Every structure is written in structure tokens, then in C-alpha cells.
Amino acid sequence: MLQIAALGGLEFSPLVVYFPIAFLLAALTRFVLHRLDWYDRIWKVAWFEVSLFVCYLALTVYVLGGR
């Protein structure tokens, strides 16, 4: 369970670690959808991207955080 992320003597929230992981997963999913030409089938692209990021963030917090 990640409590605090320390960098240079400063303490940060664990979300500082979780956000980049979720962003990379969302970017990878977006890349795969573009390569498969499935991205054109999405009705509201911006809402899809935000919801995808939030889902990946929740998954990251669940997997890396304490249960």
C-alpha cells in the first residue's frame, strides 16, 4: 500500500504516482483503438477519453492501493 511518495524531501499524495500510470494506460488504449480503426465508432470522443482515464485511475488505485 503506497502511503506517501517522497521526492527530494517533499511528500506528495500517492495520486502523483497513480495519475501517470492511468494516463499511459489510457494513451495506449487510445493508440490501439486508432490502429484498429475503431475510434471512428465512438460517439462522444471527449467523454469516452475522460471516462477511460477515470476507469484506469480507479483500477490503478485498486491494484496498487490497499484493499
PDB file of N, CA and C in Angstrom:
ATOM      1  N   MET A   1       0.844  -1.172   0.000  1.00  0.00           N
ATOM      2  CA  MET A   1       0.000   0.000   0.000  1.00  0.00           C
ATOM      3  C   MET A   1       0.895   1.243   0.000  1.00  0.00           C
ATOM      4  N   LEU A   2       0.705   2.076  -0.959  1.00  0.00           N
ATOM      5  CA  LEU A   2       1.501   3.284  -1.094  1.00  0.00           C
ATOM      6  C   LEU A   2       0.861   4.402  -0.278  1.00  0.00           C
ATOM      7  N   GLN A   3       1.569   4.856   0.751  1.00  0.00           N
ATOM      8  CA  GLN A   3       1.040   5.901   1.619  1.00  0.00           C
ATOM      9  C   GLN A   3       1.431   7.286   1.114  1.00  0.00           C
ATOM     10  N   ILE A   4       2.742   7.511   0.992  1.00  0.00           N
ATOM     11  CA  ILE A   4       3.250   8.829   0.625  1.00  0.00           C
ATOM     12  C   ILE A   4       4.373   8.631  -0.385  1.00  0.00           C
ATOM     13  N   ALA A   5       4.413   9.458  -1.420  1.00  0.00           N
ATOM     14  CA  ALA A   5       5.509   9.450  -2.380  1.00  0.00           C
ATOM     15  C   ALA A   5       6.450  10.593  -2.009  1.00  0.00           C
ATOM     16  N   ALA A   6       7.688  10.253  -1.628  1.00  0.00           N
ATOM     17  CA  ALA A   6       8.668  11.266  -1.218  1.00  0.00           C
ATOM     18  C   ALA A   6       9.632  11.518  -2.368  1.00  0.00           C
ATOM     19  N   LEU A   7       9.826  12.791  -2.682  1.00  0.00           N
ATOM     20  CA  LEU A   7      10.734  13.179  -3.759  1.00  0.00           C
ATOM     21  C   LEU A   7      11.476  14.438  -3.324  1.00  0.00           C
ATOM     22  N   GLY A   8      12.779  14.299  -3.112  1.00  0.00           N
ATOM     23  CA  GLY A   8      13.583  15.447  -2.726  1.00  0.00           C
ATOM     24  C   GLY A   8      13.207  16.034  -1.380  1.00  0.00           C
ATOM     25  N   GLY A   9      12.771  15.205  -0.455  1.00  0.00           N
ATOM     26  CA  GLY A   9      12.387  15.685   0.857  1.00  0.00           C
ATOM     27  C   GLY A   9      10.966  16.197   0.945  1.00  0.00           C
ATOM     28  N   LEU A  10      10.266  16.248  -0.167  1.00  0.00           N
ATOM     29  CA  LEU A  10       8.868  16.679  -0.171  1.00  0.00           C
ATOM     30  C   LEU A  10       7.968  15.456  -0.220  1.00  0.00           C
ATOM     31  N   GLU A  11       6.857  15.538   0.457  1.00  0.00           N
ATOM     32  CA  GLU A  11       5.906  14.437   0.466  1.00  0.00           C
ATOM     33  C   GLU A  11       4.717  14.772  -0.427  1.00  0.00           C
ATOM     34  N   PHE A  12       4.370  13.833  -1.287  1.00  0.00           N
ATOM     35  CA  PHE A  12       3.280  14.013  -2.236  1.00  0.00           C
ATOM     36  C   PHE A  12       2.230  12.936  -2.026  1.00  0.00           C
ATOM     37  N   SER A  13       1.056  13.216  -2.507  1.00  0.00           N
ATOM     38  CA  SER A  13      -0.035  12.252  -2.471  1.00  0.00           C
ATOM     39  C   SER A  13       0.301  11.059  -3.370  1.00  0.00           C
ATOM     40  N   PRO A  14      -0.200   9.874  -3.039  1.00  0.00           N
ATOM     41  CA  PRO A  14       0.023   8.727  -3.923  1.00  0.00           C
ATOM     42  C   PRO A  14      -0.565   8.920  -5.321  1.00  0.00           C
ATOM     43  N   LEU A  15      -1.509   9.853  -5.467  1.00  0.00           N
ATOM     44  CA  LEU A  15      -2.074  10.104  -6.798  1.00  0.00           C
ATOM     45  C   LEU A  15      -1.023  10.627  -7.774  1.00  0.00           C
ATOM     46  N   VAL A  16       0.069  11.190  -7.253  1.00  0.00           N
ATOM     47  CA  VAL A  16       1.162  11.643  -8.109  1.00  0.00           C
ATOM     48  C   VAL A  16       1.766  10.445  -8.845  1.00  0.00           C
ATOM     49  N   VAL A  17       1.723   9.282  -8.247  1.00  0.00           N
ATOM     50  CA  VAL A  17       2.207   8.063  -8.887  1.00  0.00           C
ATOM     51  C   VAL A  17       1.110   7.427  -9.731  1.00  0.00           C
ATOM     52  N   TYR A  18      -0.126   7.463  -9.244  1.00  0.00           N
ATOM     53  CA  TYR A  18      -1.227   6.781  -9.929  1.00  0.00           C
ATOM     54  C   TYR A  18      -1.641   7.477 -11.232  1.00  0.00           C
ATOM     55  N   PHE A  19      -1.612   8.810 -11.253  1.00  0.00           N
ATOM     56  CA  PHE A  19      -2.056   9.547 -12.442  1.00  0.00           C
ATOM     57  C   PHE A  19      -1.241   9.208 -13.693  1.00  0.00           C
ATOM     58  N   PRO A  20       0.104   9.229 -13.653  1.00  0.00           N
ATOM     59  CA  PRO A  20       0.850   8.892 -14.879  1.00  0.00           C
ATOM     60  C   PRO A  20       0.611   7.468 -15.361  1.00  0.00           C
ATOM     61  N   ILE A  21       0.430   6.538 -14.424  1.00  0.00           N
ATOM     62  CA  ILE A  21       0.158   5.156 -14.823  1.00  0.00           C
ATOM     63  C   ILE A  21      -1.179   5.068 -15.554  1.00  0.00           C
ATOM     64  N   ALA A  22      -2.199   5.711 -14.998  1.00  0.00           N
ATOM     65  CA  ALA A  22      -3.516   5.712 -15.636  1.00  0.00           C
ATOM     66  C   ALA A  22      -3.468   6.427 -16.979  1.00  0.00           C
ATOM     67  N   PHE A  23      -2.708   7.523 -17.055  1.00  0.00           N
ATOM     68  CA  PHE A  23      -2.590   8.246 -18.313  1.00  0.00           C
ATOM     69  C   PHE A  23      -1.918   7.393 -19.388  1.00  0.00           C
ATOM     70  N   LEU A  24      -0.864   6.682 -19.037  1.00  0.00           N
ATOM     71  CA  LEU A  24      -0.189   5.819 -20.011  1.00  0.00           C
ATOM     72  C   LEU A  24      -1.094   4.681 -20.482  1.00  0.00           C
ATOM     73  N   LEU A  25      -1.867   4.111 -19.571  1.00  0.00           N
ATOM     74  CA  LEU A  25      -2.810   3.059 -19.977  1.00  0.00           C
ATOM     75  C   LEU A  25      -3.885   3.604 -20.915  1.00  0.00           C
ATOM     76  N   ALA A  26      -4.390   4.794 -20.616  1.00  0.00           N
ATOM     77  CA  ALA A  26      -5.409   5.406 -21.478  1.00  0.00           C
ATOM     78  C   ALA A  26      -4.819   5.762 -22.846  1.00  0.00           C
ATOM     79  N   ALA A  27      -3.596   6.266 -22.854  1.00  0.00           N
ATOM     80  CA  ALA A  27      -2.948   6.604 -24.126  1.00  0.00           C
ATOM     81  C   ALA A  27      -2.682   5.355 -24.955  1.00  0.00           C
ATOM     82  N   LEU A  28      -2.293   4.277 -24.301  1.00  0.00           N
ATOM     83  CA  LEU A  28      -2.072   3.016 -25.013  1.00  0.00           C
ATOM     84  C   LEU A  28      -3.373   2.484 -25.602  1.00  0.00           C
ATOM     85  N   THR A  29      -4.451   2.555 -24.834  1.00  0.00           N
ATOM     86  CA  THR A  29      -5.759   2.118 -25.335  1.00  0.00           C
ATOM     87  C   THR A  29      -6.204   2.984 -26.504  1.00  0.00           C
ATOM     88  N   ARG A  30      -6.000   4.282 -26.392  1.00  0.00           N
ATOM     89  CA  ARG A  30      -6.360   5.195 -27.484  1.00  0.00           C
ATOM     90  C   ARG A  30      -5.568   4.875 -28.751  1.00  0.00           C
ATOM     91  N   PHE A  31      -4.272   4.582 -28.606  1.00  0.00           N
ATOM     92  CA  PHE A  31      -3.429   4.220 -29.747  1.00  0.00           C
ATOM     93  C   PHE A  31      -3.924   2.937 -30.412  1.00  0.00           C
ATOM     94  N   VAL A  32      -4.271   1.952 -29.599  1.00  0.00           N
ATOM     95  CA  VAL A  32      -4.761   0.681 -30.147  1.00  0.00           C
ATOM     96  C   VAL A  32      -6.088   0.890 -30.876  1.00  0.00           C
ATOM     97  N   LEU A  33      -6.971   1.710 -30.314  1.00  0.00           N
ATOM     98  CA  LEU A  33      -8.252   1.974 -30.976  1.00  0.00           C
ATOM     99  C   LEU A  33      -8.056   2.691 -32.314  1.00  0.00           C
ATOM    100  N   HIS A  34      -7.073   3.593 -32.373  1.00  0.00           N
ATOM    101  CA  HIS A  34      -6.777   4.269 -33.644  1.00  0.00           C
ATOM    102  C   HIS A  34      -6.222   3.291 -34.670  1.00  0.00           C
ATOM    103  N   ARG A  35      -5.342   2.410 -34.228  1.00  0.00           N
ATOM    104  CA  ARG A  35      -4.735   1.446 -35.150  1.00  0.00           C
ATOM    105  C   ARG A  35      -5.762   0.455 -35.698  1.00  0.00           C
ATOM    106  N   LEU A  36      -6.751   0.121 -34.896  1.00  0.00           N
ATOM    107  CA  LEU A  36      -7.781  -0.824 -35.334  1.00  0.00           C
ATOM    108  C   LEU A  36      -8.943  -0.143 -36.046  1.00  0.00           C
ATOM    109  N   ASP A  37      -8.871   1.179 -36.198  1.00  0.00           N
ATOM    110  CA  ASP A  37      -9.934   1.978 -36.820  1.00  0.00           C
ATOM    111  C   ASP A  37     -11.271   1.823 -36.104  1.00  0.00           C
ATOM    112  N   TRP A  38     -11.243   1.625 -34.822  1.00  0.00           N
ATOM    113  CA  TRP A  38     -12.457   1.557 -34.016  1.00  0.00           C
ATOM    114  C   TRP A  38     -12.777   2.901 -33.399  1.00  0.00           C
ATOM    115  N   TYR A  39     -11.860   3.828 -33.504  1.00  0.00           N
ATOM    116  CA  TYR A  39     -12.032   5.126 -32.859  1.00  0.00           C
ATOM    117  C   TYR A  39     -13.136   5.939 -33.528  1.00  0.00           C
ATOM    118  N   ASP A  40     -13.412   5.696 -34.803  1.00  0.00           N
ATOM    119  CA  ASP A  40     -14.460   6.417 -35.530  1.00  0.00           C
ATOM    120  C   ASP A  40     -15.863   6.025 -35.074  1.00  0.00           C
ATOM    121  N   ARG A  41     -15.978   4.913 -34.395  1.00  0.00           N
ATOM    122  CA  ARG A  41     -17.286   4.430 -33.955  1.00  0.00           C
ATOM    123  C   ARG A  41     -17.728   5.040 -32.627  1.00  0.00           C
ATOM    124  N   ILE A  42     -16.841   5.785 -31.988  1.00  0.00           N
ATOM    125  CA  ILE A  42     -17.160   6.386 -30.696  1.00  0.00           C
ATOM    126  C   ILE A  42     -17.963   7.656 -30.941  1.00  0.00           C
ATOM    127  N   TRP A  43     -19.063   7.780 -30.239  1.00  0.00           N
ATOM    128  CA  TRP A  43     -19.963   8.897 -30.491  1.00  0.00           C
ATOM    129  C   TRP A  43     -19.432  10.191 -29.901  1.00  0.00           C
ATOM    130  N   LYS A  44     -19.177  10.222 -28.618  1.00  0.00           N
ATOM    131  CA  LYS A  44     -18.632  11.397 -27.932  1.00  0.00           C
ATOM    132  C   LYS A  44     -17.207  11.077 -27.492  1.00  0.00           C
ATOM    133  N   VAL A  45     -16.228  11.477 -28.287  1.00  0.00           N
ATOM    134  CA  VAL A  45     -14.841  11.091 -28.067  1.00  0.00           C
ATOM    135  C   VAL A  45     -14.298  11.660 -26.758  1.00  0.00           C
ATOM    136  N   ALA A  46     -14.572  12.924 -26.473  1.00  0.00           N
ATOM    137  CA  ALA A  46     -14.036  13.545 -25.259  1.00  0.00           C
ATOM    138  C   ALA A  46     -14.574  12.859 -24.003  1.00  0.00           C
ATOM    139  N   TRP A  47     -15.855  12.546 -23.982  1.00  0.00           N
ATOM    140  CA  TRP A  47     -16.427  11.867 -22.828  1.00  0.00           C
ATOM    141  C   TRP A  47     -15.853  10.467 -22.676  1.00  0.00           C
ATOM    142  N   PHE A  48     -15.623   9.820 -23.795  1.00  0.00           N
ATOM    143  CA  PHE A  48     -15.037   8.484 -23.757  1.00  0.00           C
ATOM    144  C   PHE A  48     -13.630   8.522 -23.181  1.00  0.00           C
ATOM    145  N   GLU A  49     -12.834   9.497 -23.599  1.00  0.00           N
ATOM    146  CA  GLU A  49     -11.457   9.584 -23.112  1.00  0.00           C
ATOM    147  C   GLU A  49     -11.401   9.899 -21.627  1.00  0.00           C
ATOM    148  N   VAL A  50     -12.262  10.788 -21.160  1.00  0.00           N
ATOM    149  CA  VAL A  50     -12.287  11.116 -19.737  1.00  0.00           C
ATOM    150  C   VAL A  50     -12.733   9.908 -18.921  1.00  0.00           C
ATOM    151  N   SER A  51     -13.766   9.235 -19.374  1.00  0.00           N
ATOM    152  CA  SER A  51     -14.256   8.074 -18.633  1.00  0.00           C
ATOM    153  C   SER A  51     -13.243   6.929 -18.658  1.00  0.00           C
ATOM    154  N   LEU A  52     -12.527   6.775 -19.757  1.00  0.00           N
ATOM    155  CA  LEU A  52     -11.483   5.760 -19.844  1.00  0.00           C
ATOM    156  C   LEU A  52     -10.367   6.061 -18.848  1.00  0.00           C
ATOM    157  N   PHE A  53      -9.959   7.318 -18.756  1.00  0.00           N
ATOM    158  CA  PHE A  53      -8.933   7.707 -17.796  1.00  0.00           C
ATOM    159  C   PHE A  53      -9.397   7.469 -16.361  1.00  0.00           C
ATOM    160  N   VAL A  54     -10.637   7.823 -16.065  1.00  0.00           N
ATOM    161  CA  VAL A  54     -11.162   7.637 -14.705  1.00  0.00           C
ATOM    162  C   VAL A  54     -11.232   6.146 -14.362  1.00  0.00           C
ATOM    163  N   CYS A  55     -11.637   5.329 -15.309  1.00  0.00           N
ATOM    164  CA  CYS A  55     -11.690   3.885 -15.063  1.00  0.00           C
ATOM    165  C   CYS A  55     -10.297   3.315 -14.829  1.00  0.00           C
ATOM    166  N   TYR A  56      -9.333   3.733 -15.622  1.00  0.00           N
ATOM    167  CA  TYR A  56      -7.962   3.270 -15.425  1.00  0.00           C
ATOM    168  C   TYR A  56      -7.384   3.794 -14.116  1.00  0.00           C
ATOM    169  N   LEU A  57      -7.737   5.005 -13.726  1.00  0.00           N
ATOM    170  CA  LEU A  57      -7.272   5.542 -12.450  1.00  0.00           C
ATOM    171  C   LEU A  57      -7.847   4.729 -11.295  1.00  0.00           C
ATOM    172  N   ALA A  58      -9.120   4.399 -11.368  1.00  0.00           N
ATOM    173  CA  ALA A  58      -9.746   3.579 -10.323  1.00  0.00           C
ATOM    174  C   ALA A  58      -9.110   2.196 -10.263  1.00  0.00           C
ATOM    175  N   LEU A  59      -8.815   1.617 -11.423  1.00  0.00           N
ATOM    176  CA  LEU A  59      -8.167   0.314 -11.466  1.00  0.00           C
ATOM    177  C   LEU A  59      -6.761   0.378 -10.866  1.00  0.00           C
ATOM    178  N   THR A  60      -6.030   1.439 -11.183  1.00  0.00           N
ATOM    179  CA  THR A  60      -4.684   1.611 -10.653  1.00  0.00           C
ATOM    180  C   THR A  60      -4.701   1.776  -9.138  1.00  0.00           C
ATOM    181  N   VAL A  61      -5.621   2.576  -8.635  1.00  0.00           N
ATOM    182  CA  VAL A  61      -5.730   2.771  -7.188  1.00  0.00           C
ATOM    183  C   VAL A  61      -6.129   1.461  -6.519  1.00  0.00           C
ATOM    184  N   TYR A  62      -7.005   0.693  -7.128  1.00  0.00           N
ATOM    185  CA  TYR A  62      -7.434  -0.586  -6.552  1.00  0.00           C
ATOM    186  C   TYR A  62      -6.279  -1.593  -6.518  1.00  0.00           C
ATOM    187  N   VAL A  63      -5.523  -1.666  -7.616  1.00  0.00           N
ATOM    188  CA  VAL A  63      -4.450  -2.658  -7.710  1.00  0.00           C
ATOM    189  C   VAL A  63      -3.265  -2.263  -6.839  1.00  0.00           C
ATOM    190  N   LEU A  64      -2.845  -1.021  -6.905  1.00  0.00           N
ATOM    191  CA  LEU A  64      -1.649  -0.583  -6.169  1.00  0.00           C
ATOM    192  C   LEU A  64      -1.942  -0.102  -4.762  1.00  0.00           C
ATOM    193  N   GLY A  65      -3.169   0.300  -4.515  1.00  0.00           N
ATOM    194  CA  GLY A  65      -3.542   0.787  -3.185  1.00  0.00           C
ATOM    195  C   GLY A  65      -3.941  -0.368  -2.287  1.00  0.00           C
ATOM    196  N   GLY A  66      -4.209  -0.037  -1.052  1.00  0.00           N
ATOM    197  CA  GLY A  66      -4.624  -1.075  -0.099  1.00  0.00           C
ATOM    198  C   GLY A  66      -6.076  -1.451  -0.314  1.00  0.00           C
ATOM    199  N   ARG A  67      -6.390  -2.679  -0.004  1.00  0.00           N
ATOM    200  CA  ARG A  67      -7.765  -3.155  -0.185  1.00  0.00           C
ATOM    201  C   ARG A  67      -8.508  -3.056   1.088  1.00  0.00           C
TER     202      ARG A  67
END
